Amino acid sequence: MHNLWIPVVAIVVVAGLIFGSQAYSEAQRDAHISEAISQRLDRQTPAEISNLMSVNKGYGVCGDYALSGAEGGRFYYNSATERLAVGSNDALYQDNCASVLR
């Protein structure tokens, strides 16, 4: 019976490592997007991002941002090329997010 617990524990540990690293990676990506939006808009504080939606087979992210003031809007970020589109009128946003978020 003790020999059965070893593979079960190993599977649980490996699953935890896989899902934990995925969550950590997404948190890093979100922090990078927030910082990139703030830099683009020349703000000192990071933007708050919300309503994230994965597009382009997981390589792109569409969502909303808000800054410490009342200013806010929509963005698109391509994680493969690290291109950022701020504002729903940007051509990159229109090409990747406009049809998904309607």
PDB file of N, CA and C in Angstrom:
ATOM      1  N   MET A   1       0.815  -1.193   0.000  1.00  0.00           N
ATOM      2  CA  MET A   1       0.000   0.000   0.000  1.00  0.00           C
ATOM      3  C   MET A   1       0.863   1.263   0.000  1.00  0.00           C
ATOM      4  N   HIS A   2       1.997   1.226   0.709  1.00  0.00           N
ATOM      5  CA  HIS A   2       2.880   2.389   0.751  1.00  0.00           C
ATOM      6  C   HIS A   2       3.477   2.690  -0.614  1.00  0.00           C
ATOM      7  N   ASN A   3       3.677   1.684  -1.438  1.00  0.00           N
ATOM      8  CA  ASN A   3       4.237   1.888  -2.768  1.00  0.00           C
ATOM      9  C   ASN A   3       3.276   2.639  -3.681  1.00  0.00           C
ATOM     10  N   LEU A   4       2.002   2.625  -3.381  1.00  0.00           N
ATOM     11  CA  LEU A   4       1.007   3.346  -4.169  1.00  0.00           C
ATOM     12  C   LEU A   4       1.075   4.845  -3.912  1.00  0.00           C
ATOM     13  N   TRP A   5       1.435   5.258  -2.710  1.00  0.00           N
ATOM     14  CA  TRP A   5       1.471   6.668  -2.356  1.00  0.00           C
ATOM     15  C   TRP A   5       2.584   7.433  -3.055  1.00  0.00           C
ATOM     16  N   ILE A   6       3.682   6.787  -3.354  1.00  0.00           N
ATOM     17  CA  ILE A   6       4.817   7.465  -3.990  1.00  0.00           C
ATOM     18  C   ILE A   6       4.444   8.034  -5.360  1.00  0.00           C
ATOM     19  N   PRO A   7       3.844   7.244  -6.273  1.00  0.00           N
ATOM     20  CA  PRO A   7       3.458   7.827  -7.567  1.00  0.00           C
ATOM     21  C   PRO A   7       2.351   8.881  -7.439  1.00  0.00           C
ATOM     22  N   VAL A   8       1.439   8.686  -6.505  1.00  0.00           N
ATOM     23  CA  VAL A   8       0.353   9.650  -6.318  1.00  0.00           C
ATOM     24  C   VAL A   8       0.931  10.990  -5.861  1.00  0.00           C
ATOM     25  N   VAL A   9       1.823  10.972  -4.909  1.00  0.00           N
ATOM     26  CA  VAL A   9       2.448  12.203  -4.419  1.00  0.00           C
ATOM     27  C   VAL A   9       3.281  12.852  -5.529  1.00  0.00           C
ATOM     28  N   ALA A  10       3.998  12.053  -6.298  1.00  0.00           N
ATOM     29  CA  ALA A  10       4.813  12.583  -7.395  1.00  0.00           C
ATOM     30  C   ALA A  10       3.933  13.272  -8.439  1.00  0.00           C
ATOM     31  N   ILE A  11       2.806  12.684  -8.761  1.00  0.00           N
ATOM     32  CA  ILE A  11       1.889  13.276  -9.743  1.00  0.00           C
ATOM     33  C   ILE A  11       1.330  14.595  -9.219  1.00  0.00           C
ATOM     34  N   VAL A  12       0.963  14.637  -7.953  1.00  0.00           N
ATOM     35  CA  VAL A  12       0.427  15.867  -7.362  1.00  0.00           C
ATOM     36  C   VAL A  12       1.491  16.967  -7.356  1.00  0.00           C
ATOM     37  N   VAL A  13       2.734  16.618  -7.017  1.00  0.00           N
ATOM     38  CA  VAL A  13       3.813  17.604  -6.991  1.00  0.00           C
ATOM     39  C   VAL A  13       4.079  18.145  -8.391  1.00  0.00           C
ATOM     40  N   VAL A  14       4.143  17.285  -9.394  1.00  0.00           N
ATOM     41  CA  VAL A  14       4.387  17.717 -10.770  1.00  0.00           C
ATOM     42  C   VAL A  14       3.242  18.595 -11.268  1.00  0.00           C
ATOM     43  N   ALA A  15       2.016  18.218 -10.979  1.00  0.00           N
ATOM     44  CA  ALA A  15       0.860  19.027 -11.386  1.00  0.00           C
ATOM     45  C   ALA A  15       0.913  20.401 -10.721  1.00  0.00           C
ATOM     46  N   GLY A  16       1.280  20.454  -9.456  1.00  0.00           N
ATOM     47  CA  GLY A  16       1.409  21.731  -8.758  1.00  0.00           C
ATOM     48  C   GLY A  16       2.479  22.615  -9.370  1.00  0.00           C
ATOM     49  N   LEU A  17       3.590  22.021  -9.745  1.00  0.00           N
ATOM     50  CA  LEU A  17       4.664  22.780 -10.385  1.00  0.00           C
ATOM     51  C   LEU A  17       4.234  23.338 -11.737  1.00  0.00           C
ATOM     52  N   ILE A  18       3.535  22.540 -12.509  1.00  0.00           N
ATOM     53  CA  ILE A  18       3.084  22.980 -13.839  1.00  0.00           C
ATOM     54  C   ILE A  18       2.094  24.130 -13.718  1.00  0.00           C
ATOM     55  N   PHE A  19       1.066  23.946 -12.903  1.00  0.00           N
ATOM     56  CA  PHE A  19       0.043  24.986 -12.778  1.00  0.00           C
ATOM     57  C   PHE A  19       0.574  26.214 -12.042  1.00  0.00           C
ATOM     58  N   GLY A  20       1.459  26.025 -11.098  1.00  0.00           N
ATOM     59  CA  GLY A  20       2.060  27.149 -10.383  1.00  0.00           C
ATOM     60  C   GLY A  20       2.925  28.000 -11.288  1.00  0.00           C
ATOM     61  N   SER A  21       3.716  27.356 -12.144  1.00  0.00           N
ATOM     62  CA  SER A  21       4.565  28.121 -13.062  1.00  0.00           C
ATOM     63  C   SER A  21       3.731  28.855 -14.098  1.00  0.00           C
ATOM     64  N   GLN A  22       2.619  28.275 -14.514  1.00  0.00           N
ATOM     65  CA  GLN A  22       1.724  28.941 -15.462  1.00  0.00           C
ATOM     66  C   GLN A  22       1.124  30.195 -14.838  1.00  0.00           C
ATOM     67  N   ALA A  23       0.676  30.097 -13.609  1.00  0.00           N
ATOM     68  CA  ALA A  23       0.095  31.257 -12.925  1.00  0.00           C
ATOM     69  C   ALA A  23       1.148  32.333 -12.701  1.00  0.00           C
ATOM     70  N   TYR A  24       2.362  31.943 -12.356  1.00  0.00           N
ATOM     71  CA  TYR A  24       3.443  32.905 -12.156  1.00  0.00           C
ATOM     72  C   TYR A  24       3.785  33.604 -13.470  1.00  0.00           C
ATOM     73  N   SER A  25       3.800  32.856 -14.563  1.00  0.00           N
ATOM     74  CA  SER A  25       4.103  33.418 -15.878  1.00  0.00           C
ATOM     75  C   SER A  25       3.047  34.442 -16.296  1.00  0.00           C
ATOM     76  N   GLU A  26       1.780  34.129 -16.056  1.00  0.00           N
ATOM     77  CA  GLU A  26       0.708  35.058 -16.396  1.00  0.00           C
ATOM     78  C   GLU A  26       0.772  36.315 -15.537  1.00  0.00           C
ATOM     79  N   ALA A  27       1.144  36.177 -14.285  1.00  0.00           N
ATOM     80  CA  ALA A  27       1.276  37.340 -13.408  1.00  0.00           C
ATOM     81  C   ALA A  27       2.410  38.245 -13.892  1.00  0.00           C
ATOM     82  N   GLN A  28       3.511  37.650 -14.336  1.00  0.00           N
ATOM     83  CA  GLN A  28       4.617  38.437 -14.884  1.00  0.00           C
ATOM     84  C   GLN A  28       4.192  39.160 -16.152  1.00  0.00           C
ATOM     85  N   ARG A  29       3.450  38.455 -17.018  1.00  0.00           N
ATOM     86  CA  ARG A  29       2.969  39.069 -18.256  1.00  0.00           C
ATOM     87  C   ARG A  29       2.058  40.249 -17.956  1.00  0.00           C
ATOM     88  N   ASP A  30       1.151  40.080 -17.003  1.00  0.00           N
ATOM     89  CA  ASP A  30       0.229  41.148 -16.645  1.00  0.00           C
ATOM     90  C   ASP A  30       0.974  42.360 -16.092  1.00  0.00           C
ATOM     91  N   ALA A  31       1.994  42.123 -15.270  1.00  0.00           N
ATOM     92  CA  ALA A  31       2.786  43.222 -14.720  1.00  0.00           C
ATOM     93  C   ALA A  31       3.541  43.950 -15.834  1.00  0.00           C
ATOM     94  N   HIS A  32       4.042  43.184 -16.806  1.00  0.00           N
ATOM     95  CA  HIS A  32       4.753  43.792 -17.937  1.00  0.00           C
ATOM     96  C   HIS A  32       3.806  44.651 -18.779  1.00  0.00           C
ATOM     97  N   ILE A  33       2.611  44.150 -19.028  1.00  0.00           N
ATOM     98  CA  ILE A  33       1.615  44.908 -19.799  1.00  0.00           C
ATOM     99  C   ILE A  33       1.265  46.198 -19.070  1.00  0.00           C
ATOM    100  N   SER A  34       1.021  46.108 -17.775  1.00  0.00           N
ATOM    101  CA  SER A  34       0.668  47.278 -16.977  1.00  0.00           C
ATOM    102  C   SER A  34       1.765  48.335 -17.031  1.00  0.00           C
ATOM    103  N   GLU A  35       3.003  47.907 -16.909  1.00  0.00           N
ATOM    104  CA  GLU A  35       4.129  48.835 -16.965  1.00  0.00           C
ATOM    105  C   GLU A  35       4.285  49.442 -18.363  1.00  0.00           C
ATOM    106  N   ALA A  36       4.089  48.633 -19.399  1.00  0.00           N
ATOM    107  CA  ALA A  36       4.220  49.121 -20.771  1.00  0.00           C
ATOM    108  C   ALA A  36       3.160  50.175 -21.092  1.00  0.00           C
ATOM    109  N   ILE A  37       1.937  49.967 -20.607  1.00  0.00           N
ATOM    110  CA  ILE A  37       0.876  50.956 -20.820  1.00  0.00           C
ATOM    111  C   ILE A  37       1.238  52.265 -20.126  1.00  0.00           C
ATOM    112  N   SER A  38       1.721  52.176 -18.896  1.00  0.00           N
ATOM    113  CA  SER A  38       2.103  53.374 -18.154  1.00  0.00           C
ATOM    114  C   SER A  38       3.227  54.127 -18.854  1.00  0.00           C
ATOM    115  N   GLN A  39       4.203  53.402 -19.371  1.00  0.00           N
ATOM    116  CA  GLN A  39       5.297  54.052 -20.089  1.00  0.00           C
ATOM    117  C   GLN A  39       4.805  54.715 -21.366  1.00  0.00           C
ATOM    118  N   ARG A  40       3.931  54.021 -22.095  1.00  0.00           N
ATOM    119  CA  ARG A  40       3.406  54.569 -23.341  1.00  0.00           C
ATOM    120  C   ARG A  40       2.645  55.868 -23.099  1.00  0.00           C
ATOM    121  N   LEU A  41       1.904  55.901 -21.991  1.00  0.00           N
ATOM    122  CA  LEU A  41       1.098  57.080 -21.678  1.00  0.00           C
ATOM    123  C   LEU A  41       1.849  58.065 -20.782  1.00  0.00           C
ATOM    124  N   ASP A  42       3.116  57.793 -20.539  1.00  0.00           N
ATOM    125  CA  ASP A  42       4.003  58.674 -19.764  1.00  0.00           C
ATOM    126  C   ASP A  42       3.451  58.937 -18.364  1.00  0.00           C
ATOM    127  N   ARG A  43       3.123  57.866 -17.659  1.00  0.00           N
ATOM    128  CA  ARG A  43       2.624  57.950 -16.285  1.00  0.00           C
ATOM    129  C   ARG A  43       3.610  57.281 -15.343  1.00  0.00           C
ATOM    130  N   GLN A  44       3.617  57.717 -14.105  1.00  0.00           N
ATOM    131  CA  GLN A  44       4.538  57.172 -13.108  1.00  0.00           C
ATOM    132  C   GLN A  44       4.004  55.896 -12.464  1.00  0.00           C
ATOM    133  N   THR A  45       2.704  55.811 -12.271  1.00  0.00           N
ATOM    134  CA  THR A  45       2.118  54.645 -11.602  1.00  0.00           C
ATOM    135  C   THR A  45       1.661  53.625 -12.635  1.00  0.00           C
ATOM    136  N   PRO A  46       1.763  52.342 -12.302  1.00  0.00           N
ATOM    137  CA  PRO A  46       1.324  51.306 -13.239  1.00  0.00           C
ATOM    138  C   PRO A  46      -0.186  51.371 -13.492  1.00  0.00           C
ATOM    139  N   ALA A  47      -0.570  51.012 -14.679  1.00  0.00           N
ATOM    140  CA  ALA A  47      -1.988  50.965 -15.029  1.00  0.00           C
ATOM    141  C   ALA A  47      -2.606  49.707 -14.426  1.00  0.00           C
ATOM    142  N   GLU A  48      -3.874  49.803 -14.083  1.00  0.00           N
ATOM    143  CA  GLU A  48      -4.613  48.633 -13.630  1.00  0.00           C
ATOM    144  C   GLU A  48      -5.276  48.022 -14.855  1.00  0.00           C
ATOM    145  N   ILE A  49      -5.061  46.724 -15.070  1.00  0.00           N
ATOM    146  CA  ILE A  49      -5.654  46.067 -16.232  1.00  0.00           C
ATOM    147  C   ILE A  49      -6.732  45.094 -15.765  1.00  0.00           C
ATOM    148  N   SER A  50      -7.758  44.951 -16.595  1.00  0.00           N
ATOM    149  CA  SER A  50      -8.879  44.085 -16.247  1.00  0.00           C
ATOM    150  C   SER A  50      -9.531  43.558 -17.516  1.00  0.00           C
ATOM    151  N   ASN A  51     -10.475  42.669 -17.343  1.00  0.00           N
ATOM    152  CA  ASN A  51     -11.245  42.074 -18.441  1.00  0.00           C
ATOM    153  C   ASN A  51     -10.332  41.491 -19.518  1.00  0.00           C
ATOM    154  N   LEU A  52      -9.334  40.740 -19.101  1.00  0.00           N
ATOM    155  CA  LEU A  52      -8.367  40.187 -20.043  1.00  0.00           C
ATOM    156  C   LEU A  52      -8.969  39.028 -20.825  1.00  0.00           C
ATOM    157  N   MET A  53      -8.686  39.035 -22.122  1.00  0.00           N
ATOM    158  CA  MET A  53      -9.153  37.966 -22.998  1.00  0.00           C
ATOM    159  C   MET A  53      -7.993  37.544 -23.892  1.00  0.00           C
ATOM    160  N   SER A  54      -7.730  36.258 -23.912  1.00  0.00           N
ATOM    161  CA  SER A  54      -6.653  35.733 -24.742  1.00  0.00           C
ATOM    162  C   SER A  54      -7.136  35.609 -26.189  1.00  0.00           C
ATOM    163  N   VAL A  55      -6.328  36.095 -27.132  1.00  0.00           N
ATOM    164  CA  VAL A  55      -6.639  36.017 -28.555  1.00  0.00           C
ATOM    165  C   VAL A  55      -5.418  35.507 -29.309  1.00  0.00           C
ATOM    166  N   ASN A  56      -5.580  35.230 -30.563  1.00  0.00           N
ATOM    167  CA  ASN A  56      -4.486  34.776 -31.432  1.00  0.00           C
ATOM    168  C   ASN A  56      -3.767  33.551 -30.877  1.00  0.00           C
ATOM    169  N   LYS A  57      -4.556  32.547 -30.503  1.00  0.00           N
ATOM    170  CA  LYS A  57      -4.027  31.282 -29.987  1.00  0.00           C
ATOM    171  C   LYS A  57      -3.135  31.473 -28.764  1.00  0.00           C
ATOM    172  N   GLY A  58      -3.481  32.448 -27.940  1.00  0.00           N
ATOM    173  CA  GLY A  58      -2.757  32.692 -26.704  1.00  0.00           C
ATOM    174  C   GLY A  58      -1.588  33.643 -26.816  1.00  0.00           C
ATOM    175  N   TYR A  59      -1.277  34.116 -28.022  1.00  0.00           N
ATOM    176  CA  TYR A  59      -0.162  35.048 -28.189  1.00  0.00           C
ATOM    177  C   TYR A  59      -0.552  36.493 -27.946  1.00  0.00           C
ATOM    178  N   GLY A  60      -1.831  36.797 -27.930  1.00  0.00           N
ATOM    179  CA  GLY A  60      -2.284  38.165 -27.738  1.00  0.00           C
ATOM    180  C   GLY A  60      -3.242  38.273 -26.568  1.00  0.00           C
ATOM    181  N   VAL A  61      -3.308  39.476 -26.009  1.00  0.00           N
ATOM    182  CA  VAL A  61      -4.205  39.743 -24.893  1.00  0.00           C
ATOM    183  C   VAL A  61      -4.944  41.047 -25.169  1.00  0.00           C
ATOM    184  N   CYS A  62      -6.260  41.008 -25.075  1.00  0.00           N
ATOM    185  CA  CYS A  62      -7.091  42.200 -25.169  1.00  0.00           C
ATOM    186  C   CYS A  62      -7.632  42.494 -23.776  1.00  0.00           C
ATOM    187  N   GLY A  63      -7.835  43.752 -23.480  1.00  0.00           N
ATOM    188  CA  GLY A  63      -8.397  44.086 -22.176  1.00  0.00           C
ATOM    189  C   GLY A  63      -8.604  45.562 -22.003  1.00  0.00           C
ATOM    190  N   ASP A  64      -8.960  45.925 -20.784  1.00  0.00           N
ATOM    191  CA  ASP A  64      -9.189  47.312 -20.403  1.00  0.00           C
ATOM    192  C   ASP A  64      -8.095  47.756 -19.446  1.00  0.00           C
ATOM    193  N   TYR A  65      -7.782  49.049 -19.475  1.00  0.00           N
ATOM    194  CA  TYR A  65      -6.839  49.598 -18.516  1.00  0.00           C
ATOM    195  C   TYR A  65      -7.443  50.825 -17.857  1.00  0.00           C
ATOM    196  N   ALA A  66      -6.966  51.095 -16.661  1.00  0.00           N
ATOM    197  CA  ALA A  66      -7.374  52.301 -15.941  1.00  0.00           C
ATOM    198  C   ALA A  66      -6.142  52.866 -15.252  1.00  0.00           C
ATOM    199  N   LEU A  67      -6.037  54.181 -15.271  1.00  0.00           N
ATOM    200  CA  LEU A  67      -4.942  54.865 -14.590  1.00  0.00           C
ATOM    201  C   LEU A  67      -5.471  55.504 -13.317  1.00  0.00           C
ATOM    202  N   SER A  68      -4.579  56.019 -12.497  1.00  0.00           N
ATOM    203  CA  SER A  68      -4.982  56.569 -11.207  1.00  0.00           C
ATOM    204  C   SER A  68      -6.010  57.685 -11.328  1.00  0.00           C
ATOM    205  N   GLY A  69      -5.966  58.444 -12.416  1.00  0.00           N
ATOM    206  CA  GLY A  69      -7.007  59.441 -12.671  1.00  0.00           C
ATOM    207  C   GLY A  69      -8.225  58.742 -13.248  1.00  0.00           C
ATOM    208  N   ALA A  70      -9.090  59.465 -13.852  1.00  0.00           N
ATOM    209  CA  ALA A  70     -10.288  58.884 -14.454  1.00  0.00           C
ATOM    210  C   ALA A  70     -10.002  58.299 -15.832  1.00  0.00           C
ATOM    211  N   GLU A  71      -8.764  58.477 -16.315  1.00  0.00           N
ATOM    212  CA  GLU A  71      -8.425  58.030 -17.664  1.00  0.00           C
ATOM    213  C   GLU A  71      -8.388  56.506 -17.750  1.00  0.00           C
ATOM    214  N   GLY A  72      -8.897  55.984 -18.821  1.00  0.00           N
ATOM    215  CA  GLY A  72      -8.888  54.553 -19.053  1.00  0.00           C
ATOM    216  C   GLY A  72      -9.197  54.270 -20.504  1.00  0.00           C
ATOM    217  N   GLY A  73      -9.135  53.030 -20.872  1.00  0.00           N
ATOM    218  CA  GLY A  73      -9.430  52.648 -22.238  1.00  0.00           C
ATOM    219  C   GLY A  73      -9.152  51.172 -22.455  1.00  0.00           C
ATOM    220  N   ARG A  74      -8.928  50.822 -23.704  1.00  0.00           N
ATOM    221  CA  ARG A  74      -8.697  49.432 -24.075  1.00  0.00           C
ATOM    222  C   ARG A  74      -7.305  49.270 -24.661  1.00  0.00           C
ATOM    223  N   PHE A  75      -6.809  48.036 -24.623  1.00  0.00           N
ATOM    224  CA  PHE A  75      -5.472  47.773 -25.143  1.00  0.00           C
ATOM    225  C   PHE A  75      -5.408  46.385 -25.770  1.00  0.00           C
ATOM    226  N   TYR A  76      -4.376  46.204 -26.574  1.00  0.00           N
ATOM    227  CA  TYR A  76      -4.014  44.892 -27.122  1.00  0.00           C
ATOM    228  C   TYR A  76      -2.520  44.730 -26.944  1.00  0.00           C
ATOM    229  N   TYR A  77      -2.083  43.552 -26.509  1.00  0.00           N
ATOM    230  CA  TYR A  77      -0.664  43.272 -26.334  1.00  0.00           C
ATOM    231  C   TYR A  77      -0.354  41.922 -26.973  1.00  0.00           C
ATOM    232  N   ASN A  78       0.667  41.896 -27.839  1.00  0.00           N
ATOM    233  CA  ASN A  78       1.129  40.654 -28.452  1.00  0.00           C
ATOM    234  C   ASN A  78       2.365  40.200 -27.685  1.00  0.00           C
ATOM    235  N   SER A  79       2.270  39.079 -27.002  1.00  0.00           N
ATOM    236  CA  SER A  79       3.380  38.626 -26.165  1.00  0.00           C
ATOM    237  C   SER A  79       4.539  38.071 -26.981  1.00  0.00           C
ATOM    238  N   ALA A  80       4.308  37.662 -28.214  1.00  0.00           N
ATOM    239  CA  ALA A  80       5.392  37.140 -29.047  1.00  0.00           C
ATOM    240  C   ALA A  80       6.268  38.270 -29.581  1.00  0.00           C
ATOM    241  N   THR A  81       5.644  39.352 -30.025  1.00  0.00           N
ATOM    242  CA  THR A  81       6.391  40.475 -30.600  1.00  0.00           C
ATOM    243  C   THR A  81       6.554  41.637 -29.630  1.00  0.00           C
ATOM    244  N   GLU A  82       5.857  41.570 -28.483  1.00  0.00           N
ATOM    245  CA  GLU A  82       5.839  42.624 -27.469  1.00  0.00           C
ATOM    246  C   GLU A  82       5.336  43.956 -28.025  1.00  0.00           C
ATOM    247  N   ARG A  83       4.426  43.885 -28.975  1.00  0.00           N
ATOM    248  CA  ARG A  83       3.804  45.101 -29.517  1.00  0.00           C
ATOM    249  C   ARG A  83       2.576  45.431 -28.685  1.00  0.00           C
ATOM    250  N   LEU A  84       2.388  46.715 -28.433  1.00  0.00           N
ATOM    251  CA  LEU A  84       1.290  47.194 -27.602  1.00  0.00           C
ATOM    252  C   LEU A  84       0.469  48.208 -28.380  1.00  0.00           C
ATOM    253  N   ALA A  85      -0.834  48.051 -28.342  1.00  0.00           N
ATOM    254  CA  ALA A  85      -1.761  49.024 -28.923  1.00  0.00           C
ATOM    255  C   ALA A  85      -2.609  49.565 -27.782  1.00  0.00           C
ATOM    256  N   VAL A  86      -2.559  50.876 -27.585  1.00  0.00           N
ATOM    257  CA  VAL A  86      -3.335  51.518 -26.529  1.00  0.00           C
ATOM    258  C   VAL A  86      -4.434  52.334 -27.189  1.00  0.00           C
ATOM    259  N   GLY A  87      -5.656  52.012 -26.845  1.00  0.00           N
ATOM    260  CA  GLY A  87      -6.805  52.713 -27.416  1.00  0.00           C
ATOM    261  C   GLY A  87      -7.512  51.855 -28.443  1.00  0.00           C
ATOM    262  N   SER A  88      -8.809  51.939 -28.450  1.00  0.00           N
ATOM    263  CA  SER A  88      -9.601  51.104 -29.355  1.00  0.00           C
ATOM    264  C   SER A  88      -9.563  51.597 -30.797  1.00  0.00           C
ATOM    265  N   ASN A  89      -8.985  52.760 -31.062  1.00  0.00           N
ATOM    266  CA  ASN A  89      -8.864  53.257 -32.432  1.00  0.00           C
ATOM    267  C   ASN A  89      -7.570  52.820 -33.112  1.00  0.00           C
ATOM    268  N   ASP A  90      -6.643  52.263 -32.371  1.00  0.00           N
ATOM    269  CA  ASP A  90      -5.372  51.796 -32.930  1.00  0.00           C
ATOM    270  C   ASP A  90      -5.632  50.637 -33.897  1.00  0.00           C
ATOM    271  N   ALA A  91      -4.939  50.643 -35.029  1.00  0.00           N
ATOM    272  CA  ALA A  91      -5.149  49.613 -36.059  1.00  0.00           C
ATOM    273  C   ALA A  91      -4.839  48.214 -35.535  1.00  0.00           C
ATOM    274  N   LEU A  92      -3.816  48.076 -34.707  1.00  0.00           N
ATOM    275  CA  LEU A  92      -3.457  46.778 -34.139  1.00  0.00           C
ATOM    276  C   LEU A  92      -4.573  46.255 -33.239  1.00  0.00           C
ATOM    277  N   TYR A  93      -5.186  47.144 -32.468  1.00  0.00           N
ATOM    278  CA  TYR A  93      -6.327  46.767 -31.630  1.00  0.00           C
ATOM    279  C   TYR A  93      -7.507  46.353 -32.510  1.00  0.00           C
ATOM    280  N   GLN A  94      -7.796  47.141 -33.518  1.00  0.00           N
ATOM    281  CA  GLN A  94      -8.924  46.844 -34.409  1.00  0.00           C
ATOM    282  C   GLN A  94      -8.762  45.483 -35.074  1.00  0.00           C
ATOM    283  N   ASP A  95      -7.538  45.172 -35.523  1.00  0.00           N
ATOM    284  CA  ASP A  95      -7.288  43.903 -36.209  1.00  0.00           C
ATOM    285  C   ASP A  95      -7.436  42.692 -35.299  1.00  0.00           C
ATOM    286  N   ASN A  96      -7.130  42.837 -34.011  1.00  0.00           N
ATOM    287  CA  ASN A  96      -7.075  41.678 -33.138  1.00  0.00           C
ATOM    288  C   ASN A  96      -8.171  41.591 -32.094  1.00  0.00           C
ATOM    289  N   CYS A  97      -8.744  42.701 -31.700  1.00  0.00           N
ATOM    290  CA  CYS A  97      -9.700  42.680 -30.591  1.00  0.00           C
ATOM    291  C   CYS A  97     -11.115  43.124 -30.940  1.00  0.00           C
ATOM    292  N   ALA A  98     -11.258  43.988 -31.911  1.00  0.00           N
ATOM    293  CA  ALA A  98     -12.556  44.597 -32.171  1.00  0.00           C
ATOM    294  C   ALA A  98     -13.629  43.553 -32.469  1.00  0.00           C
ATOM    295  N   SER A  99     -13.312  42.550 -33.243  1.00  0.00           N
ATOM    296  CA  SER A  99     -14.329  41.534 -33.591  1.00  0.00           C
ATOM    297  C   SER A  99     -14.604  40.592 -32.435  1.00  0.00           C
ATOM    298  N   VAL A 100     -13.671  40.429 -31.533  1.00  0.00           N
ATOM    299  CA  VAL A 100     -13.827  39.506 -30.407  1.00  0.00           C
ATOM    300  C   VAL A 100     -14.657  40.131 -29.309  1.00  0.00           C
ATOM    301  N   LEU A 101     -14.517  41.412 -29.076  1.00  0.00           N
ATOM    302  CA  LEU A 101     -15.161  42.076 -27.946  1.00  0.00           C
ATOM    303  C   LEU A 101     -16.517  42.701 -28.273  1.00  0.00           C
ATOM    304  N   ARG A 102     -17.022  42.513 -29.435  1.00  0.00           N
ATOM    305  CA  ARG A 102     -18.326  43.108 -29.784  1.00  0.00           C
ATOM    306  C   ARG A 102     -19.461  42.381 -29.155  1.00  0.00           C
TER     307      ARG A 102
END
